[in-house]
Amino acid sequence: MNAPYRMVRADGSHEIEIKKSRFICHLFRVTSEGEARQHIETVRKEHWNANHNCTAWIIGEGQASQRSSDDGEPSGTAGMPMLEVLRKRGVTDTLAIVTRYFGGIMLGAGGLIRAYGGAVSETLDSIGIVERKPLAIVQASASYDDAGRIENAIRAKDLPLTDVAYTTDVRFELAMPESEVEPFATWLQELTNGGTHATIVGERYVEVTAPLLLIEI
């Protein structure tokens, strides 16, 4: 099965102001570079009169694809600090765009690094981060004579029963971590004297709140 991974909870934005400059951070869930570029183009059109629309994204398993752009800010003062926040927070499939409206006061290289990184960090805090965990989809079939007893036993143990389908027999579907499949299969065989077997037929992801990793900007 695929490994769990972290990403921003939802699309959203958050604004901070530093020495009269506005920094508006937009975060998006993305699964491809093409999707990321579409969001970047949309934000640039919306904020066509902004001084800068700096970007950073991480996409793919193991944070495989990483890109950043300073969009006219001094090299290394915008896109890379934004990207570094995404890296340290451990997220993937996440795009950050920080729109800057210059307020007339120069921030210097250090000030820009803190502002762009801080905008992304505050927005991640505001929107939240989730961990997407893979669950095994397990199916087991039983005759109508045995189905009621099996279903009652499953519900009594508060097992994650997601579906019961009645066709030529009765099919039970459950979703659980892969590590729990073998103990469940053993329990089911003992319950039915070996008459019913559990089989993994697929997987699905569930999202749970991930603890925030606090970093210094």
C-alpha atoms as a PDB file:
ATOM      1  CA  MET A   1       0.000   0.000   0.000  1.00  0.00           C
ATOM      2  CA  ASN A   2       1.006   3.615  -0.460  1.00  0.00           C
ATOM      3  CA  ALA A   3       2.503   5.508   2.490  1.00  0.00           C
ATOM      4  CA  PRO A   4       0.677   8.241   4.439  1.00  0.00           C
ATOM      5  CA  TYR A   5       1.467  11.801   3.409  1.00  0.00           C
ATOM      6  CA  ARG A   6       0.726  15.360   4.572  1.00  0.00           C
ATOM      7  CA  MET A   7      -0.908  18.182   2.624  1.00  0.00           C
ATOM      8  CA  VAL A   8      -2.773  21.428   3.236  1.00  0.00           C
ATOM      9  CA  ARG A   9      -6.314  20.797   4.505  1.00  0.00           C
ATOM     10  CA  ALA A  10      -8.037  22.855   1.770  1.00  0.00           C
ATOM     11  CA  ASP A  11      -7.525  25.699  -0.674  1.00  0.00           C
ATOM     12  CA  GLY A  12      -7.462  29.055   1.064  1.00  0.00           C
ATOM     13  CA  SER A  13      -5.653  32.332   1.671  1.00  0.00           C
ATOM     14  CA  HIS A  14      -4.353  34.486   4.498  1.00  0.00           C
ATOM     15  CA  GLU A  15      -2.897  38.005   4.527  1.00  0.00           C
ATOM     16  CA  ILE A  16      -0.217  39.633   6.633  1.00  0.00           C
ATOM     17  CA  GLU A  17       1.109  43.214   6.549  1.00  0.00           C
ATOM     18  CA  ILE A  18       4.745  44.130   7.156  1.00  0.00           C
ATOM     19  CA  LYS A  19       5.891  47.753   7.011  1.00  0.00           C
ATOM     20  CA  LYS A  20       2.908  48.690   4.848  1.00  0.00           C
ATOM     21  CA  SER A  21       3.542  45.890   2.323  1.00  0.00           C
ATOM     22  CA  ARG A  22       0.693  43.386   1.948  1.00  0.00           C
ATOM     23  CA  PHE A  23       1.600  39.714   1.604  1.00  0.00           C
ATOM     24  CA  ILE A  24      -1.340  37.541   0.553  1.00  0.00           C
ATOM     25  CA  CYS A  25      -0.595  33.824   0.656  1.00  0.00           C
ATOM     26  CA  HIS A  26      -2.779  31.480  -1.395  1.00  0.00           C
ATOM     27  CA  LEU A  27      -2.507  27.731  -0.768  1.00  0.00           C
ATOM     28  CA  PHE A  28      -3.869  25.087  -3.130  1.00  0.00           C
ATOM     29  CA  ARG A  29      -4.075  21.309  -3.149  1.00  0.00           C
ATOM     30  CA  VAL A  30      -2.559  20.133  -6.445  1.00  0.00           C
ATOM     31  CA  THR A  31      -1.626  16.792  -7.945  1.00  0.00           C
ATOM     32  CA  SER A  32       0.313  17.847 -11.069  1.00  0.00           C
ATOM     33  CA  GLU A  33       2.527  20.638 -12.338  1.00  0.00           C
ATOM     34  CA  GLY A  34      -0.097  21.506 -14.938  1.00  0.00           C
ATOM     35  CA  GLU A  35      -2.706  22.027 -12.228  1.00  0.00           C
ATOM     36  CA  ALA A  36      -0.249  24.167 -10.255  1.00  0.00           C
ATOM     37  CA  ARG A  37       0.475  26.371 -13.266  1.00  0.00           C
ATOM     38  CA  GLN A  38      -3.247  26.892 -13.854  1.00  0.00           C
ATOM     39  CA  HIS A  39      -3.685  28.179 -10.298  1.00  0.00           C
ATOM     40  CA  ILE A  40      -0.639  30.439 -10.701  1.00  0.00           C
ATOM     41  CA  GLU A  41      -2.078  31.928 -13.881  1.00  0.00           C
ATOM     42  CA  THR A  42      -5.443  32.515 -12.204  1.00  0.00           C
ATOM     43  CA  VAL A  43      -3.882  34.312  -9.227  1.00  0.00           C
ATOM     44  CA  ARG A  44      -1.686  36.435 -11.511  1.00  0.00           C
ATOM     45  CA  LYS A  45      -4.732  37.531 -13.485  1.00  0.00           C
ATOM     46  CA  GLU A  46      -6.641  38.312 -10.284  1.00  0.00           C
ATOM     47  CA  HIS A  47      -3.720  40.287  -8.852  1.00  0.00           C
ATOM     48  CA  TRP A  48      -2.434  41.727 -12.115  1.00  0.00           C
ATOM     49  CA  ASN A  49      -1.482  45.008 -10.442  1.00  0.00           C
ATOM     50  CA  ALA A  50       0.544  43.402  -7.627  1.00  0.00           C
ATOM     51  CA  ASN A  51       4.294  43.938  -7.542  1.00  0.00           C
ATOM     52  CA  HIS A  52       5.081  40.220  -7.245  1.00  0.00           C
ATOM     53  CA  ASN A  53       3.362  36.830  -7.317  1.00  0.00           C
ATOM     54  CA  CYS A  54       6.008  34.468  -5.938  1.00  0.00           C
ATOM     55  CA  THR A  55       5.465  30.722  -6.001  1.00  0.00           C
ATOM     56  CA  ALA A  56       6.583  27.417  -4.534  1.00  0.00           C
ATOM     57  CA  TRP A  57       5.193  23.936  -4.870  1.00  0.00           C
ATOM     58  CA  ILE A  58       5.898  20.379  -3.791  1.00  0.00           C
ATOM     59  CA  ILE A  59       4.135  17.580  -5.661  1.00  0.00           C
ATOM     60  CA  GLY A  60       4.349  13.824  -5.626  1.00  0.00           C
ATOM     61  CA  GLU A  61       5.314  10.954  -3.380  1.00  0.00           C
ATOM     62  CA  GLY A  62       8.337  11.707  -1.241  1.00  0.00           C
ATOM     63  CA  GLN A  63       8.152  15.407  -2.197  1.00  0.00           C
ATOM     64  CA  ALA A  64       9.496  14.387  -5.622  1.00  0.00           C
ATOM     65  CA  SER A  65       8.745  17.560  -7.635  1.00  0.00           C
ATOM     66  CA  GLN A  66       9.780  20.905  -6.141  1.00  0.00           C
ATOM     67  CA  ARG A  67       9.764  24.320  -7.812  1.00  0.00           C
ATOM     68  CA  SER A  68       9.982  27.935  -6.713  1.00  0.00           C
ATOM     69  CA  SER A  69      10.039  31.400  -8.289  1.00  0.00           C
ATOM     70  CA  ASP A  70      11.054  34.799  -6.891  1.00  0.00           C
ATOM     71  CA  ASP A  71       9.040  36.613  -9.604  1.00  0.00           C
ATOM     72  CA  GLY A  72      11.294  39.666  -9.621  1.00  0.00           C
ATOM     73  CA  GLU A  73      12.235  39.780  -5.946  1.00  0.00           C
ATOM     74  CA  PRO A  74      15.985  39.533  -5.208  1.00  0.00           C
ATOM     75  CA  SER A  75      17.215  36.002  -5.879  1.00  0.00           C
ATOM     76  CA  GLY A  76      16.598  33.605  -3.000  1.00  0.00           C
ATOM     77  CA  THR A  77      14.441  35.974  -0.926  1.00  0.00           C
ATOM     78  CA  ALA A  78      10.943  34.763  -1.822  1.00  0.00           C
ATOM     79  CA  GLY A  79      10.362  31.458  -3.609  1.00  0.00           C
ATOM     80  CA  MET A  80      13.053  29.500  -1.789  1.00  0.00           C
ATOM     81  CA  PRO A  81      11.970  30.570   1.735  1.00  0.00           C
ATOM     82  CA  MET A  82       8.408  29.638   0.783  1.00  0.00           C
ATOM     83  CA  LEU A  83       9.574  26.256  -0.498  1.00  0.00           C
ATOM     84  CA  GLU A  84      11.617  25.666   2.636  1.00  0.00           C
ATOM     85  CA  VAL A  85       8.531  26.126   4.823  1.00  0.00           C
ATOM     86  CA  LEU A  86       6.636  23.529   2.759  1.00  0.00           C
ATOM     87  CA  ARG A  87       9.595  21.149   3.074  1.00  0.00           C
ATOM     88  CA  LYS A  88       9.924  21.569   6.834  1.00  0.00           C
ATOM     89  CA  ARG A  89       6.189  21.140   7.355  1.00  0.00           C
ATOM     90  CA  GLY A  90       6.482  17.853   5.471  1.00  0.00           C
ATOM     91  CA  VAL A  91       3.694  18.588   2.995  1.00  0.00           C
ATOM     92  CA  THR A  92       3.338  17.511  -0.610  1.00  0.00           C
ATOM     93  CA  ASP A  93       0.728  18.083  -3.331  1.00  0.00           C
ATOM     94  CA  THR A  94       0.651  21.682  -2.104  1.00  0.00           C
ATOM     95  CA  LEU A  95       1.152  24.969  -3.973  1.00  0.00           C
ATOM     96  CA  ALA A  96       1.914  28.296  -2.297  1.00  0.00           C
ATOM     97  CA  ILE A  97       1.585  31.658  -4.039  1.00  0.00           C
ATOM     98  CA  VAL A  98       2.451  34.844  -2.156  1.00  0.00           C
ATOM     99  CA  THR A  99       1.173  38.056  -3.724  1.00  0.00           C
ATOM    100  CA  ARG A 100       2.981  41.205  -2.614  1.00  0.00           C
ATOM    101  CA  TYR A 101       1.702  44.757  -2.833  1.00  0.00           C
ATOM    102  CA  PHE A 102       4.698  46.976  -2.069  1.00  0.00           C
ATOM    103  CA  GLY A 103       4.049  49.513   0.678  1.00  0.00           C
ATOM    104  CA  GLY A 104       6.958  51.866  -0.039  1.00  0.00           C
ATOM    105  CA  ILE A 105       9.375  50.682   2.668  1.00  0.00           C
ATOM    106  CA  MET A 106      12.305  48.444   1.693  1.00  0.00           C
ATOM    107  CA  LEU A 107      12.576  45.296   3.804  1.00  0.00           C
ATOM    108  CA  GLY A 108      16.044  44.121   2.870  1.00  0.00           C
ATOM    109  CA  ALA A 109      16.982  40.544   2.020  1.00  0.00           C
ATOM    110  CA  GLY A 110      16.505  39.222   5.543  1.00  0.00           C
ATOM    111  CA  GLY A 111      13.170  40.989   5.905  1.00  0.00           C
ATOM    112  CA  LEU A 112      11.916  39.555   2.624  1.00  0.00           C
ATOM    113  CA  ILE A 113      12.968  36.023   3.576  1.00  0.00           C
ATOM    114  CA  ARG A 114      11.098  36.285   6.885  1.00  0.00           C
ATOM    115  CA  ALA A 115       8.051  37.893   5.249  1.00  0.00           C
ATOM    116  CA  TYR A 116       7.597  35.342   2.469  1.00  0.00           C
ATOM    117  CA  GLY A 117       8.364  32.357   4.658  1.00  0.00           C
ATOM    118  CA  GLY A 118       6.215  33.743   7.445  1.00  0.00           C
ATOM    119  CA  ALA A 119       3.265  34.297   5.113  1.00  0.00           C
ATOM    120  CA  VAL A 120       3.296  30.631   4.088  1.00  0.00           C
ATOM    121  CA  SER A 121       3.794  29.427   7.657  1.00  0.00           C
ATOM    122  CA  GLU A 122       0.922  31.537   9.030  1.00  0.00           C
ATOM    123  CA  THR A 123      -1.383  30.397   6.236  1.00  0.00           C
ATOM    124  CA  LEU A 124      -0.610  26.734   6.896  1.00  0.00           C
ATOM    125  CA  ASP A 125      -1.410  27.378  10.552  1.00  0.00           C
ATOM    126  CA  SER A 126      -4.642  29.144   9.617  1.00  0.00           C
ATOM    127  CA  ILE A 127      -5.943  26.534   7.147  1.00  0.00           C
ATOM    128  CA  GLY A 128      -4.416  23.464   8.734  1.00  0.00           C
ATOM    129  CA  ILE A 129      -2.569  20.367   7.565  1.00  0.00           C
ATOM    130  CA  VAL A 130      -4.033  16.893   7.168  1.00  0.00           C
ATOM    131  CA  GLU A 131      -2.429  13.508   6.937  1.00  0.00           C
ATOM    132  CA  ARG A 132      -3.869  11.249   4.272  1.00  0.00           C
ATOM    133  CA  LYS A 133      -3.656   7.639   5.416  1.00  0.00           C
ATOM    134  CA  PRO A 134      -4.290   4.625   3.192  1.00  0.00           C
ATOM    135  CA  LEU A 135      -6.759   2.031   4.440  1.00  0.00           C
ATOM    136  CA  ALA A 136      -7.154  -1.455   3.045  1.00  0.00           C
ATOM    137  CA  ILE A 137     -10.607  -2.268   1.675  1.00  0.00           C
ATOM    138  CA  VAL A 138     -11.432  -5.756   2.909  1.00  0.00           C
ATOM    139  CA  GLN A 139     -14.308  -7.936   1.721  1.00  0.00           C
ATOM    140  CA  ALA A 140     -15.764 -11.133   3.139  1.00  0.00           C
ATOM    141  CA  SER A 141     -18.753 -13.117   1.867  1.00  0.00           C
ATOM    142  CA  ALA A 142     -21.106 -15.320   3.845  1.00  0.00           C
ATOM    143  CA  SER A 143     -24.285 -17.266   3.302  1.00  0.00           C
ATOM    144  CA  TYR A 144     -27.601 -15.747   4.362  1.00  0.00           C
ATOM    145  CA  ASP A 145     -27.773 -18.302   7.187  1.00  0.00           C
ATOM    146  CA  ASP A 146     -24.492 -17.034   8.705  1.00  0.00           C
ATOM    147  CA  ALA A 147     -24.682 -13.376   7.748  1.00  0.00           C
ATOM    148  CA  GLY A 148     -26.722 -12.134  10.694  1.00  0.00           C
ATOM    149  CA  ARG A 149     -24.410 -13.708  13.248  1.00  0.00           C
ATOM    150  CA  ILE A 150     -21.325 -12.367  11.484  1.00  0.00           C
ATOM    151  CA  GLU A 151     -22.703  -8.844  11.163  1.00  0.00           C
ATOM    152  CA  ASN A 152     -23.710  -8.761  14.814  1.00  0.00           C
ATOM    153  CA  ALA A 153     -20.227  -9.906  15.837  1.00  0.00           C
ATOM    154  CA  ILE A 154     -18.560  -7.289  13.612  1.00  0.00           C
ATOM    155  CA  ARG A 155     -20.709  -4.512  15.036  1.00  0.00           C
ATOM    156  CA  ALA A 156     -20.213  -5.740  18.603  1.00  0.00           C
ATOM    157  CA  LYS A 157     -16.443  -5.393  18.154  1.00  0.00           C
ATOM    158  CA  ASP A 158     -16.996  -1.923  16.649  1.00  0.00           C
ATOM    159  CA  LEU A 159     -15.049  -2.888  13.534  1.00  0.00           C
ATOM    160  CA  PRO A 160     -15.020  -0.385  10.634  1.00  0.00           C
ATOM    161  CA  LEU A 161     -17.883  -1.862   8.587  1.00  0.00           C
ATOM    162  CA  THR A 162     -18.498   0.344   5.531  1.00  0.00           C
ATOM    163  CA  ASP A 163     -20.998  -1.671   3.493  1.00  0.00           C
ATOM    164  CA  VAL A 164     -23.201  -4.770   3.538  1.00  0.00           C
ATOM    165  CA  ALA A 165     -24.433  -5.972   0.118  1.00  0.00           C
ATOM    166  CA  TYR A 166     -27.096  -8.616  -0.361  1.00  0.00           C
ATOM    167  CA  THR A 167     -26.784 -10.571  -3.641  1.00  0.00           C
ATOM    168  CA  THR A 168     -26.526 -14.349  -4.074  1.00  0.00           C
ATOM    169  CA  ASP A 169     -24.751 -14.214  -0.718  1.00  0.00           C
ATOM    170  CA  VAL A 170     -23.981 -11.423   1.754  1.00  0.00           C
ATOM    171  CA  ARG A 171     -20.829  -9.368   1.221  1.00  0.00           C
ATOM    172  CA  PHE A 172     -19.289  -7.392   4.047  1.00  0.00           C
ATOM    173  CA  GLU A 173     -16.880  -4.544   3.304  1.00  0.00           C
ATOM    174  CA  LEU A 174     -14.577  -2.989   5.891  1.00  0.00           C
ATOM    175  CA  ALA A 175     -11.830  -0.334   5.770  1.00  0.00           C
ATOM    176  CA  MET A 176      -8.837  -0.687   8.083  1.00  0.00           C
ATOM    177  CA  PRO A 177      -5.060  -0.187   8.275  1.00  0.00           C
ATOM    178  CA  GLU A 178      -3.228  -2.970   6.497  1.00  0.00           C
ATOM    179  CA  SER A 179      -1.645  -4.051   9.780  1.00  0.00           C
ATOM    180  CA  GLU A 180      -5.105  -4.928  11.138  1.00  0.00           C
ATOM    181  CA  VAL A 181      -6.170  -7.116   8.208  1.00  0.00           C
ATOM    182  CA  GLU A 182      -4.427 -10.317   9.301  1.00  0.00           C
ATOM    183  CA  PRO A 183      -5.779 -10.219  12.889  1.00  0.00           C
ATOM    184  CA  PHE A 184      -9.256  -9.529  11.501  1.00  0.00           C
ATOM    185  CA  ALA A 185      -8.983 -12.399   9.018  1.00  0.00           C
ATOM    186  CA  THR A 186      -7.884 -14.763  11.793  1.00  0.00           C
ATOM    187  CA  TRP A 187     -10.748 -13.641  14.044  1.00  0.00           C
ATOM    188  CA  LEU A 188     -13.255 -14.086  11.208  1.00  0.00           C
ATOM    189  CA  GLN A 189     -12.081 -17.613  10.431  1.00  0.00           C
ATOM    190  CA  GLU A 190     -12.285 -18.568  14.105  1.00  0.00           C
ATOM    191  CA  LEU A 191     -15.789 -17.084  14.297  1.00  0.00           C
ATOM    192  CA  THR A 192     -16.985 -19.100  11.287  1.00  0.00           C
ATOM    193  CA  ASN A 193     -14.878 -22.231  11.792  1.00  0.00           C
ATOM    194  CA  GLY A 194     -12.930 -21.417   8.645  1.00  0.00           C
ATOM    195  CA  GLY A 195     -16.029 -20.829   6.558  1.00  0.00           C
ATOM    196  CA  THR A 196     -15.445 -17.160   5.750  1.00  0.00           C
ATOM    197  CA  HIS A 197     -12.246 -15.517   4.522  1.00  0.00           C
ATOM    198  CA  ALA A 198     -11.236 -11.855   4.339  1.00  0.00           C
ATOM    199  CA  THR A 199      -9.620 -10.515   1.163  1.00  0.00           C
ATOM    200  CA  ILE A 200      -8.046  -7.135   0.411  1.00  0.00           C
ATOM    201  CA  VAL A 201      -9.712  -5.763  -2.738  1.00  0.00           C
ATOM    202  CA  GLY A 202      -8.372  -2.204  -2.833  1.00  0.00           C
ATOM    203  CA  GLU A 203      -7.510   0.845  -0.779  1.00  0.00           C
ATOM    204  CA  ARG A 204      -8.860   4.282   0.019  1.00  0.00           C
ATOM    205  CA  TYR A 205      -7.479   7.327   1.770  1.00  0.00           C
ATOM    206  CA  VAL A 206      -8.880   8.969   4.857  1.00  0.00           C
ATOM    207  CA  GLU A 207      -7.830  12.390   6.132  1.00  0.00           C
ATOM    208  CA  VAL A 208      -6.984  13.086   9.747  1.00  0.00           C
ATOM    209  CA  THR A 209      -5.681  16.262  11.360  1.00  0.00           C
ATOM    210  CA  ALA A 210      -1.890  16.285  11.381  1.00  0.00           C
ATOM    211  CA  PRO A 211       0.065  17.945  14.196  1.00  0.00           C
ATOM    212  CA  LEU A 212       1.697  21.190  13.121  1.00  0.00           C
ATOM    213  CA  LEU A 213       5.480  21.235  13.000  1.00  0.00           C
ATOM    214  CA  LEU A 214       6.548  24.572  14.442  1.00  0.00           C
ATOM    215  CA  ILE A 215       9.565  26.076  12.671  1.00  0.00           C
ATOM    216  CA  GLU A 216      11.530  29.252  12.898  1.00  0.00           C
ATOM    217  CA  ILE A 217      11.468  31.627   9.954  1.00  0.00           C
END
